[in-house]
């Protein structure tokens, strides 16, 4: 019946490993989460604005070249 003992030992080892993985992740409060989401959104808005400006400049250059 060593097989049953091995199963119990493997279950205990897996539970310990799972607990360690869950423990390592700090919980984020709702205010911190909201602040992080807003900061991420602001970064994305800035990137999009920059890309829009580049695209507009390229289109203007293409129209100027086509008009000549």
N, C-alpha and C. Protein backbone atom coordinates (compact mmCIF):
# COMPACT_ATOMS: atom_id res chain seq x y z
N UNK A 1 0.80 -1.19 0.00
CA UNK A 1 0.00 0.00 0.00
C UNK A 1 0.85 1.26 0.00
N UNK A 2 2.03 1.19 -0.51
CA UNK A 2 2.88 2.38 -0.54
C UNK A 2 2.33 3.40 -1.53
N UNK A 3 1.55 2.94 -2.49
CA UNK A 3 1.02 3.85 -3.49
C UNK A 3 0.11 4.90 -2.86
N UNK A 4 -0.73 4.50 -1.92
CA UNK A 4 -1.61 5.44 -1.25
C UNK A 4 -0.84 6.49 -0.48
N UNK A 5 0.22 6.10 0.15
CA UNK A 5 1.06 7.03 0.90
C UNK A 5 1.71 8.03 -0.06
N UNK A 6 2.13 7.56 -1.19
CA UNK A 6 2.77 8.44 -2.18
C UNK A 6 1.78 9.50 -2.67
N UNK A 7 0.54 9.08 -2.87
CA UNK A 7 -0.49 10.03 -3.31
C UNK A 7 -0.69 11.13 -2.27
N UNK A 8 -0.77 10.72 -1.00
CA UNK A 8 -0.96 11.70 0.06
C UNK A 8 0.22 12.66 0.13
N UNK A 9 1.42 12.14 -0.03
CA UNK A 9 2.61 12.99 0.02
C UNK A 9 2.63 13.96 -1.17
N UNK A 10 2.25 13.48 -2.34
CA UNK A 10 2.19 14.33 -3.53
C UNK A 10 1.12 15.42 -3.38
N UNK A 11 -0.02 15.06 -2.80
CA UNK A 11 -1.08 16.05 -2.57
C UNK A 11 -0.61 17.13 -1.61
N UNK A 12 0.08 16.72 -0.55
CA UNK A 12 0.58 17.69 0.43
C UNK A 12 1.62 18.60 -0.21
N UNK A 13 2.49 18.03 -1.01
CA UNK A 13 3.52 18.82 -1.70
C UNK A 13 2.88 19.82 -2.66
N UNK A 14 1.87 19.37 -3.41
CA UNK A 14 1.19 20.25 -4.37
C UNK A 14 0.45 21.36 -3.63
N UNK A 15 -0.18 21.05 -2.51
CA UNK A 15 -0.89 22.07 -1.74
C UNK A 15 0.08 23.11 -1.19
N UNK A 16 1.23 22.66 -0.74
CA UNK A 16 2.25 23.58 -0.22
C UNK A 16 2.76 24.49 -1.33
N UNK A 17 2.99 23.92 -2.49
CA UNK A 17 3.48 24.70 -3.63
C UNK A 17 2.43 25.72 -4.07
N UNK A 18 1.17 25.32 -4.12
CA UNK A 18 0.08 26.22 -4.51
C UNK A 18 -0.06 27.36 -3.50
N UNK A 19 0.06 27.05 -2.23
CA UNK A 19 -0.05 28.08 -1.19
C UNK A 19 1.09 29.09 -1.33
N UNK A 20 2.28 28.62 -1.65
CA UNK A 20 3.43 29.51 -1.82
C UNK A 20 3.23 30.41 -3.02
N UNK A 21 2.65 29.90 -4.09
CA UNK A 21 2.42 30.71 -5.28
C UNK A 21 1.37 31.78 -5.01
N UNK A 22 0.31 31.43 -4.30
CA UNK A 22 -0.74 32.39 -3.98
C UNK A 22 -0.24 33.45 -3.00
N UNK A 23 0.65 33.06 -2.12
CA UNK A 23 1.16 33.95 -1.10
C UNK A 23 2.09 35.01 -1.70
N UNK A 24 2.81 34.68 -2.76
CA UNK A 24 3.79 35.58 -3.32
C UNK A 24 3.16 36.77 -4.04
N UNK A 25 1.93 36.64 -4.49
CA UNK A 25 1.26 37.74 -5.19
C UNK A 25 0.60 38.67 -4.17
N UNK A 26 1.05 39.91 -4.10
CA UNK A 26 0.39 40.82 -3.17
C UNK A 26 -0.98 41.23 -3.70
N UNK A 27 -1.92 41.36 -2.81
CA UNK A 27 -3.26 41.78 -3.21
C UNK A 27 -3.24 43.28 -3.45
N UNK A 28 -3.96 43.71 -4.46
CA UNK A 28 -4.00 45.12 -4.81
C UNK A 28 -5.34 45.69 -4.38
N UNK A 29 -5.29 46.80 -3.64
CA UNK A 29 -6.54 47.40 -3.17
C UNK A 29 -7.28 48.02 -4.35
N UNK A 30 -8.54 48.29 -4.15
CA UNK A 30 -9.34 48.82 -5.25
C UNK A 30 -8.89 50.22 -5.64
N UNK A 31 -8.43 51.02 -4.68
CA UNK A 31 -7.95 52.36 -5.03
C UNK A 31 -6.64 52.29 -5.80
N UNK A 32 -5.76 51.40 -5.38
CA UNK A 32 -4.49 51.24 -6.09
C UNK A 32 -4.73 50.70 -7.50
N UNK A 33 -5.67 49.80 -7.62
CA UNK A 33 -6.01 49.24 -8.92
C UNK A 33 -6.57 50.32 -9.84
N UNK A 34 -7.44 51.16 -9.30
CA UNK A 34 -8.03 52.24 -10.10
C UNK A 34 -6.96 53.23 -10.53
N UNK A 35 -6.03 53.56 -9.64
CA UNK A 35 -4.94 54.48 -9.98
C UNK A 35 -4.05 53.89 -11.07
N UNK A 36 -3.74 52.60 -10.94
CA UNK A 36 -2.89 51.95 -11.94
C UNK A 36 -3.58 51.91 -13.30
N UNK A 37 -4.88 51.60 -13.30
CA UNK A 37 -5.62 51.55 -14.56
C UNK A 37 -5.66 52.92 -15.21
N UNK A 38 -5.86 53.97 -14.42
CA UNK A 38 -5.90 55.32 -14.96
C UNK A 38 -4.53 55.72 -15.52
N UNK A 39 -3.47 55.37 -14.81
CA UNK A 39 -2.12 55.68 -15.29
C UNK A 39 -1.84 54.94 -16.60
N UNK A 40 -2.23 53.69 -16.67
CA UNK A 40 -2.04 52.91 -17.90
C UNK A 40 -2.83 53.52 -19.06
N UNK A 41 -4.06 53.94 -18.77
CA UNK A 41 -4.90 54.54 -19.81
C UNK A 41 -4.29 55.85 -20.30
N UNK A 42 -3.74 56.64 -19.38
CA UNK A 42 -3.10 57.91 -19.77
C UNK A 42 -1.90 57.66 -20.67
N UNK A 43 -1.11 56.65 -20.36
CA UNK A 43 0.04 56.30 -21.18
C UNK A 43 -0.42 55.90 -22.58
N UNK A 44 -1.46 55.09 -22.66
CA UNK A 44 -1.97 54.66 -23.96
C UNK A 44 -2.54 55.82 -24.76
N UNK A 45 -3.22 56.76 -24.07
CA UNK A 45 -3.74 57.94 -24.76
C UNK A 45 -2.60 58.78 -25.34
N UNK A 46 -1.51 58.91 -24.58
CA UNK A 46 -0.36 59.68 -25.06
C UNK A 46 0.27 59.01 -26.27
N UNK A 47 0.40 57.69 -26.23
CA UNK A 47 0.95 56.96 -27.37
C UNK A 47 0.06 57.13 -28.60
N UNK A 48 -1.26 57.03 -28.40
CA UNK A 48 -2.19 57.16 -29.53
C UNK A 48 -2.12 58.55 -30.13
N UNK A 49 -2.02 59.58 -29.28
CA UNK A 49 -1.92 60.95 -29.77
C UNK A 49 -0.64 61.13 -30.59
N UNK A 50 0.45 60.57 -30.11
CA UNK A 50 1.72 60.67 -30.83
C UNK A 50 1.62 59.97 -32.19
N UNK A 51 1.02 58.80 -32.22
CA UNK A 51 0.86 58.06 -33.47
C UNK A 51 -0.05 58.80 -34.44
N UNK A 52 -1.11 59.42 -33.92
CA UNK A 52 -2.01 60.19 -34.78
C UNK A 52 -1.28 61.38 -35.39
N UNK A 53 -0.43 62.05 -34.60
CA UNK A 53 0.33 63.18 -35.11
C UNK A 53 1.30 62.75 -36.22
N UNK A 54 1.95 61.63 -36.02
CA UNK A 54 2.88 61.11 -37.03
C UNK A 54 2.13 60.76 -38.31
N UNK A 55 0.97 60.11 -38.15
CA UNK A 55 0.17 59.72 -39.31
C UNK A 55 -0.31 60.95 -40.07
N UNK A 56 -0.74 61.98 -39.34
CA UNK A 56 -1.21 63.20 -39.99
C UNK A 56 -0.07 63.88 -40.74
N UNK A 57 1.12 63.90 -40.17
CA UNK A 57 2.28 64.50 -40.83
C UNK A 57 2.63 63.74 -42.11
N UNK A 58 2.55 62.41 -42.04
CA UNK A 58 2.85 61.61 -43.23
C UNK A 58 1.82 61.84 -44.32
N UNK A 59 0.56 61.96 -43.95
CA UNK A 59 -0.49 62.20 -44.93
C UNK A 59 -0.33 63.57 -45.56
N UNK A 60 0.05 64.57 -44.76
CA UNK A 60 0.27 65.92 -45.28
C UNK A 60 1.45 65.92 -46.24
N UNK A 61 2.49 65.19 -45.91
CA UNK A 61 3.66 65.12 -46.79
C UNK A 61 3.29 64.41 -48.10
N UNK A 62 2.47 63.39 -48.01
CA UNK A 62 2.05 62.65 -49.20
C UNK A 62 1.19 63.54 -50.09
N UNK A 63 0.29 64.34 -49.49
CA UNK A 63 -0.54 65.26 -50.29
C UNK A 63 0.31 66.33 -50.94
N UNK A 64 1.30 66.84 -50.21
CA UNK A 64 2.18 67.88 -50.77
C UNK A 64 3.00 67.33 -51.93
N UNK A 65 3.47 66.11 -51.79
CA UNK A 65 4.26 65.49 -52.86
C UNK A 65 3.39 65.18 -54.06
N UNK A 66 2.14 64.81 -53.81
CA UNK A 66 1.24 64.48 -54.91
C UNK A 66 0.81 65.75 -55.67
N UNK A 67 0.70 66.84 -54.95
CA UNK A 67 0.27 68.09 -55.56
C UNK A 67 1.33 68.72 -56.45
N UNK A 68 2.56 68.37 -56.29
CA UNK A 68 3.65 68.97 -57.10
C UNK A 68 3.71 68.43 -58.48
